[in-house]
Amino acid sequence: MKCEVCNSETYRKKVRKQHWFRGKLYIIENVDAEVCTECGERYFQATTLDKIDALITGEHSVTEVMSVEVLSV
């Protein structure tokens, strides 16, 4: 597919995705994405995002808990 930002080609890759759901931040690993070869823009299929929401709302195991700093400019 073509990148909507820079019009370069994308390739399929497993990525780590930051995902906000109901006011909480989740980090999901091994998510299928299309990634631009030039600018790095990432694209996710709607079905993939639906699966992430279902994973979060269902029973799931947590592999790691992280501390995240929040800054304001």
Protein backbone atom coordinates (compact mmCIF):
# COMPACT_ATOMS: atom_id res chain seq x y z
CA MET A 1 0.00 0.00 0.00
CA LYS A 2 1.03 3.64 -0.37
CA CYS A 3 1.70 5.86 2.64
CA GLU A 4 -0.84 8.67 2.95
CA VAL A 5 1.82 10.99 4.42
CA CYS A 6 4.71 10.69 1.93
CA ASN A 7 3.36 8.37 -0.79
CA SER A 8 6.12 5.77 -0.28
CA GLU A 9 5.55 2.02 -0.10
CA THR A 10 4.68 0.26 3.14
CA TYR A 11 5.59 -3.19 4.37
CA ARG A 12 3.99 -5.59 6.85
CA LYS A 13 5.62 -5.69 10.27
CA LYS A 14 4.86 -6.69 13.89
CA VAL A 15 5.01 -3.59 16.10
CA ARG A 16 4.49 -2.43 19.66
CA LYS A 17 1.35 -0.24 19.76
CA GLN A 18 0.38 2.37 22.33
CA HIS A 19 -3.41 2.11 22.66
CA TRP A 20 -5.71 4.34 24.71
CA PHE A 21 -8.94 2.66 25.85
CA ARG A 22 -11.45 4.24 28.25
CA GLY A 23 -8.89 6.68 29.61
CA LYS A 24 -6.14 4.11 30.21
CA LEU A 25 -2.96 3.57 28.22
CA TYR A 26 -2.06 0.04 27.15
CA ILE A 27 1.04 -1.20 25.34
CA ILE A 28 0.23 -4.10 23.03
CA GLU A 29 3.10 -6.11 21.55
CA ASN A 30 3.29 -8.09 18.28
CA VAL A 31 0.55 -6.14 16.49
CA ASP A 32 0.28 -6.49 12.70
CA ALA A 33 0.80 -3.16 10.94
CA GLU A 34 1.74 -1.66 7.60
CA VAL A 35 4.78 0.59 8.13
CA CYS A 36 6.08 3.19 5.68
CA THR A 37 9.61 2.55 4.43
CA GLU A 38 10.41 6.28 4.37
CA CYS A 39 8.60 8.15 7.17
CA GLY A 40 7.65 5.28 9.49
CA GLU A 41 3.91 6.06 9.53
CA ARG A 42 1.99 3.01 10.76
CA TYR A 43 -1.40 1.75 9.56
CA PHE A 44 -3.64 -0.76 11.32
CA GLN A 45 -6.63 -2.61 9.91
CA ALA A 46 -9.94 -1.93 11.68
CA THR A 47 -10.23 -5.64 12.52
CA THR A 48 -6.84 -5.50 14.25
CA LEU A 49 -7.96 -2.53 16.37
CA ASP A 50 -11.21 -4.34 17.23
CA LYS A 51 -9.18 -7.37 18.37
CA ILE A 52 -7.07 -5.13 20.61
CA ASP A 53 -10.21 -3.66 22.22
CA ALA A 54 -11.58 -7.18 22.75
CA LEU A 55 -8.27 -8.29 24.27
CA ILE A 56 -8.29 -5.38 26.72
CA THR A 57 -11.91 -5.85 27.80
CA GLY A 58 -11.63 -9.62 28.15
CA GLU A 59 -9.53 -11.77 30.44
CA HIS A 60 -5.88 -11.11 29.68
CA SER A 61 -2.52 -11.63 31.31
CA VAL A 62 -0.23 -8.68 31.92
CA THR A 63 3.38 -9.33 30.94
CA GLU A 64 4.80 -6.09 32.36
CA VAL A 65 3.72 -2.92 34.17
CA MET A 66 5.52 0.30 33.20
CA SER A 67 5.80 3.73 34.76
CA VAL A 68 5.14 6.53 32.25
CA GLU A 69 6.09 10.19 32.68
CA VAL A 70 3.52 12.75 31.53
CA LEU A 71 4.78 16.19 30.51
CA SER A 72 3.11 19.39 29.41
CA VAL A 73 4.55 22.11 27.18
